[in-house]
Amino acid sequence: MKKSAKVTLTVVATIGLASCNRRRVDPCQAANFNEDACQQAVQNGGYYWGGSWVPMTYSYPYPYYYDSYRRYTSSGQAVHPVAPERYARPEGATFGGHPSSPGVTRGGFGSIGAGHGAGA
């Protein structure tokens, strides 16, 4: 491999890793479940991530996400908790984002939860 190709791959890999570190993590996702943040997210239609509001529409009440988390852990899956301060609401901020902010509909755990419903 040429030296310039190695440098390019290194730069691309570094940028990719840096962008992964900025990725938001849904507090109701089984692999990263955070009980308090998930309850607030379901109740308020979104969550704070690093001080920024992330609008999210949850299709189910909180117990659904908690039960999914319990099933996930009882099956031996690894949990990667996120520091609770990542979900902290900034001082003086209220729950909710700007009306023009695009939301995300959350119906479960995507491809992970699709095969793990009742009776599956």
C-alpha atoms as a PDB file:
ATOM      1  CA  MET A   1       0.000   0.000   0.000  1.00  0.00           C
ATOM      2  CA  LYS A   2       1.319   3.448  -0.871  1.00  0.00           C
ATOM      3  CA  LYS A   3       2.181   5.872   1.907  1.00  0.00           C
ATOM      4  CA  SER A   4      -0.501   8.371   0.789  1.00  0.00           C
ATOM      5  CA  ALA A   5      -3.162   5.646   0.918  1.00  0.00           C
ATOM      6  CA  LYS A   6      -2.103   4.740   4.471  1.00  0.00           C
ATOM      7  CA  VAL A   7      -2.336   8.368   5.561  1.00  0.00           C
ATOM      8  CA  THR A   8      -5.768   8.732   3.944  1.00  0.00           C
ATOM      9  CA  LEU A   9      -7.073   5.596   5.655  1.00  0.00           C
ATOM     10  CA  THR A  10      -5.710   6.758   8.994  1.00  0.00           C
ATOM     11  CA  VAL A  11      -7.392  10.145   8.642  1.00  0.00           C
ATOM     12  CA  VAL A  12     -10.700   8.567   7.599  1.00  0.00           C
ATOM     13  CA  ALA A  13     -10.566   6.095  10.511  1.00  0.00           C
ATOM     14  CA  THR A  14      -9.788   8.893  12.981  1.00  0.00           C
ATOM     15  CA  ILE A  15     -12.700  10.988  11.734  1.00  0.00           C
ATOM     16  CA  GLY A  16     -15.001   7.965  11.931  1.00  0.00           C
ATOM     17  CA  LEU A  17     -14.010   7.234  15.521  1.00  0.00           C
ATOM     18  CA  ALA A  18     -14.443  10.861  16.511  1.00  0.00           C
ATOM     19  CA  SER A  19     -17.952  10.932  15.061  1.00  0.00           C
ATOM     20  CA  CYS A  20     -18.859   7.764  16.982  1.00  0.00           C
ATOM     21  CA  ASN A  21     -17.996   9.528  20.243  1.00  0.00           C
ATOM     22  CA  ARG A  22     -20.514  12.289  19.455  1.00  0.00           C
ATOM     23  CA  ARG A  23     -23.356   9.887  18.725  1.00  0.00           C
ATOM     24  CA  ARG A  24     -26.414  10.306  20.920  1.00  0.00           C
ATOM     25  CA  VAL A  25     -27.506   7.317  22.941  1.00  0.00           C
ATOM     26  CA  ASP A  26     -31.216   6.817  23.592  1.00  0.00           C
ATOM     27  CA  PRO A  27     -31.652   6.222  27.350  1.00  0.00           C
ATOM     28  CA  CYS A  28     -34.413   3.684  26.626  1.00  0.00           C
ATOM     29  CA  GLN A  29     -32.183   1.521  24.432  1.00  0.00           C
ATOM     30  CA  ALA A  30     -31.643  -1.813  26.199  1.00  0.00           C
ATOM     31  CA  ALA A  31     -27.861  -1.876  25.751  1.00  0.00           C
ATOM     32  CA  ASN A  32     -27.489   1.572  27.347  1.00  0.00           C
ATOM     33  CA  PHE A  33     -30.604   1.745  29.518  1.00  0.00           C
ATOM     34  CA  ASN A  34     -30.807   4.565  32.074  1.00  0.00           C
ATOM     35  CA  GLU A  35     -33.898   4.254  34.262  1.00  0.00           C
ATOM     36  CA  ASP A  36     -34.353   7.906  35.271  1.00  0.00           C
ATOM     37  CA  ALA A  37     -33.496   9.344  31.865  1.00  0.00           C
ATOM     38  CA  CYS A  38     -35.792   6.853  30.098  1.00  0.00           C
ATOM     39  CA  GLN A  39     -38.738   7.662  32.360  1.00  0.00           C
ATOM     40  CA  GLN A  40     -38.252  11.376  31.695  1.00  0.00           C
ATOM     41  CA  ALA A  41     -37.763  10.822  27.958  1.00  0.00           C
ATOM     42  CA  VAL A  42     -40.993   8.855  27.578  1.00  0.00           C
ATOM     43  CA  GLN A  43     -42.920  11.359  29.708  1.00  0.00           C
ATOM     44  CA  ASN A  44     -41.498  14.464  28.003  1.00  0.00           C
ATOM     45  CA  GLY A  45     -41.113  13.340  24.390  1.00  0.00           C
ATOM     46  CA  GLY A  46     -37.346  13.368  24.267  1.00  0.00           C
ATOM     47  CA  TYR A  47     -34.187  13.652  26.307  1.00  0.00           C
ATOM     48  CA  TYR A  48     -31.162  15.847  26.816  1.00  0.00           C
ATOM     49  CA  TRP A  49     -27.837  14.607  25.484  1.00  0.00           C
ATOM     50  CA  GLY A  50     -24.785  16.619  26.369  1.00  0.00           C
ATOM     51  CA  GLY A  51     -26.922  19.680  27.076  1.00  0.00           C
ATOM     52  CA  SER A  52     -28.910  19.554  23.812  1.00  0.00           C
ATOM     53  CA  TRP A  53     -32.543  18.546  23.522  1.00  0.00           C
ATOM     54  CA  VAL A  54     -33.217  15.440  21.400  1.00  0.00           C
ATOM     55  CA  PRO A  55     -36.921  15.140  20.497  1.00  0.00           C
ATOM     56  CA  MET A  56     -38.163  11.562  20.407  1.00  0.00           C
ATOM     57  CA  THR A  57     -41.624  10.057  20.103  1.00  0.00           C
ATOM     58  CA  TYR A  58     -41.933   6.876  22.128  1.00  0.00           C
ATOM     59  CA  SER A  59     -44.699   4.554  20.970  1.00  0.00           C
ATOM     60  CA  TYR A  60     -44.993   2.666  24.244  1.00  0.00           C
ATOM     61  CA  PRO A  61     -45.222   3.572  27.944  1.00  0.00           C
ATOM     62  CA  TYR A  62     -42.095   3.384  30.114  1.00  0.00           C
ATOM     63  CA  PRO A  63     -42.708  -0.189  31.429  1.00  0.00           C
ATOM     64  CA  TYR A  64     -42.292  -1.537  27.888  1.00  0.00           C
ATOM     65  CA  TYR A  65     -38.730  -0.180  27.662  1.00  0.00           C
ATOM     66  CA  TYR A  66     -37.873  -1.320  31.194  1.00  0.00           C
ATOM     67  CA  ASP A  67     -39.164  -4.832  30.464  1.00  0.00           C
ATOM     68  CA  SER A  68     -37.174  -4.907  27.217  1.00  0.00           C
ATOM     69  CA  TYR A  69     -34.059  -3.939  29.151  1.00  0.00           C
ATOM     70  CA  ARG A  70     -34.694  -6.712  31.714  1.00  0.00           C
ATOM     71  CA  ARG A  71     -35.158  -9.289  28.936  1.00  0.00           C
ATOM     72  CA  TYR A  72     -31.956  -8.044  27.303  1.00  0.00           C
ATOM     73  CA  THR A  73     -29.895  -8.393  30.480  1.00  0.00           C
ATOM     74  CA  SER A  74     -31.438 -11.699  31.525  1.00  0.00           C
ATOM     75  CA  SER A  75     -30.386 -13.165  28.172  1.00  0.00           C
ATOM     76  CA  GLY A  76     -26.775 -12.377  29.054  1.00  0.00           C
ATOM     77  CA  GLN A  77     -26.363  -9.389  26.753  1.00  0.00           C
ATOM     78  CA  ALA A  78     -23.757  -6.820  27.767  1.00  0.00           C
ATOM     79  CA  VAL A  79     -24.958  -3.471  29.053  1.00  0.00           C
ATOM     80  CA  HIS A  80     -22.860  -0.383  28.403  1.00  0.00           C
ATOM     81  CA  PRO A  81     -24.158   2.253  30.797  1.00  0.00           C
ATOM     82  CA  VAL A  82     -23.794   5.892  29.887  1.00  0.00           C
ATOM     83  CA  ALA A  83     -22.757   8.385  32.543  1.00  0.00           C
ATOM     84  CA  PRO A  84     -25.984   9.919  33.938  1.00  0.00           C
ATOM     85  CA  GLU A  85     -24.612  13.441  33.500  1.00  0.00           C
ATOM     86  CA  ARG A  86     -24.779  12.967  29.698  1.00  0.00           C
ATOM     87  CA  TYR A  87     -28.585  13.073  30.098  1.00  0.00           C
ATOM     88  CA  ALA A  88     -28.594  16.002  32.523  1.00  0.00           C
ATOM     89  CA  ARG A  89     -30.981  18.840  31.799  1.00  0.00           C
ATOM     90  CA  PRO A  90     -29.107  22.159  31.692  1.00  0.00           C
ATOM     91  CA  GLU A  91     -29.872  24.482  34.579  1.00  0.00           C
ATOM     92  CA  GLY A  92     -32.918  26.602  33.832  1.00  0.00           C
ATOM     93  CA  ALA A  93     -33.903  24.552  30.771  1.00  0.00           C
ATOM     94  CA  THR A  94     -37.339  23.003  30.421  1.00  0.00           C
ATOM     95  CA  PHE A  95     -38.127  19.716  28.766  1.00  0.00           C
ATOM     96  CA  GLY A  96     -38.852  20.112  25.092  1.00  0.00           C
ATOM     97  CA  GLY A  97     -37.070  21.435  22.078  1.00  0.00           C
ATOM     98  CA  HIS A  98     -37.802  23.916  19.398  1.00  0.00           C
ATOM     99  CA  PRO A  99     -41.129  23.358  17.600  1.00  0.00           C
ATOM    100  CA  SER A 100     -39.273  23.073  14.294  1.00  0.00           C
ATOM    101  CA  SER A 101     -36.909  20.371  15.548  1.00  0.00           C
ATOM    102  CA  PRO A 102     -37.416  17.096  13.693  1.00  0.00           C
ATOM    103  CA  GLY A 103     -38.378  14.247  15.980  1.00  0.00           C
ATOM    104  CA  VAL A 104     -37.651  10.565  15.778  1.00  0.00           C
ATOM    105  CA  THR A 105     -40.329   7.949  16.274  1.00  0.00           C
ATOM    106  CA  ARG A 106     -39.200   5.168  18.566  1.00  0.00           C
ATOM    107  CA  GLY A 107     -41.290   2.011  18.558  1.00  0.00           C
ATOM    108  CA  GLY A 108     -38.970  -0.379  20.322  1.00  0.00           C
ATOM    109  CA  PHE A 109     -35.383  -1.295  19.646  1.00  0.00           C
ATOM    110  CA  GLY A 110     -35.337  -1.421  15.869  1.00  0.00           C
ATOM    111  CA  SER A 111     -33.911  -4.624  14.453  1.00  0.00           C
ATOM    112  CA  ILE A 112     -32.864  -5.759  17.937  1.00  0.00           C
ATOM    113  CA  GLY A 113     -36.373  -5.606  19.364  1.00  0.00           C
ATOM    114  CA  ALA A 114     -38.137  -6.827  16.235  1.00  0.00           C
ATOM    115  CA  GLY A 115     -37.415 -10.446  17.008  1.00  0.00           C
ATOM    116  CA  HIS A 116     -37.766 -10.207  20.745  1.00  0.00           C
ATOM    117  CA  GLY A 117     -41.430  -9.369  21.178  1.00  0.00           C
ATOM    118  CA  ALA A 118     -43.912 -11.420  23.144  1.00  0.00           C
ATOM    119  CA  GLY A 119     -44.123 -14.944  21.871  1.00  0.00           C
ATOM    120  CA  ALA A 120     -41.020 -14.614  19.666  1.00  0.00           C
END
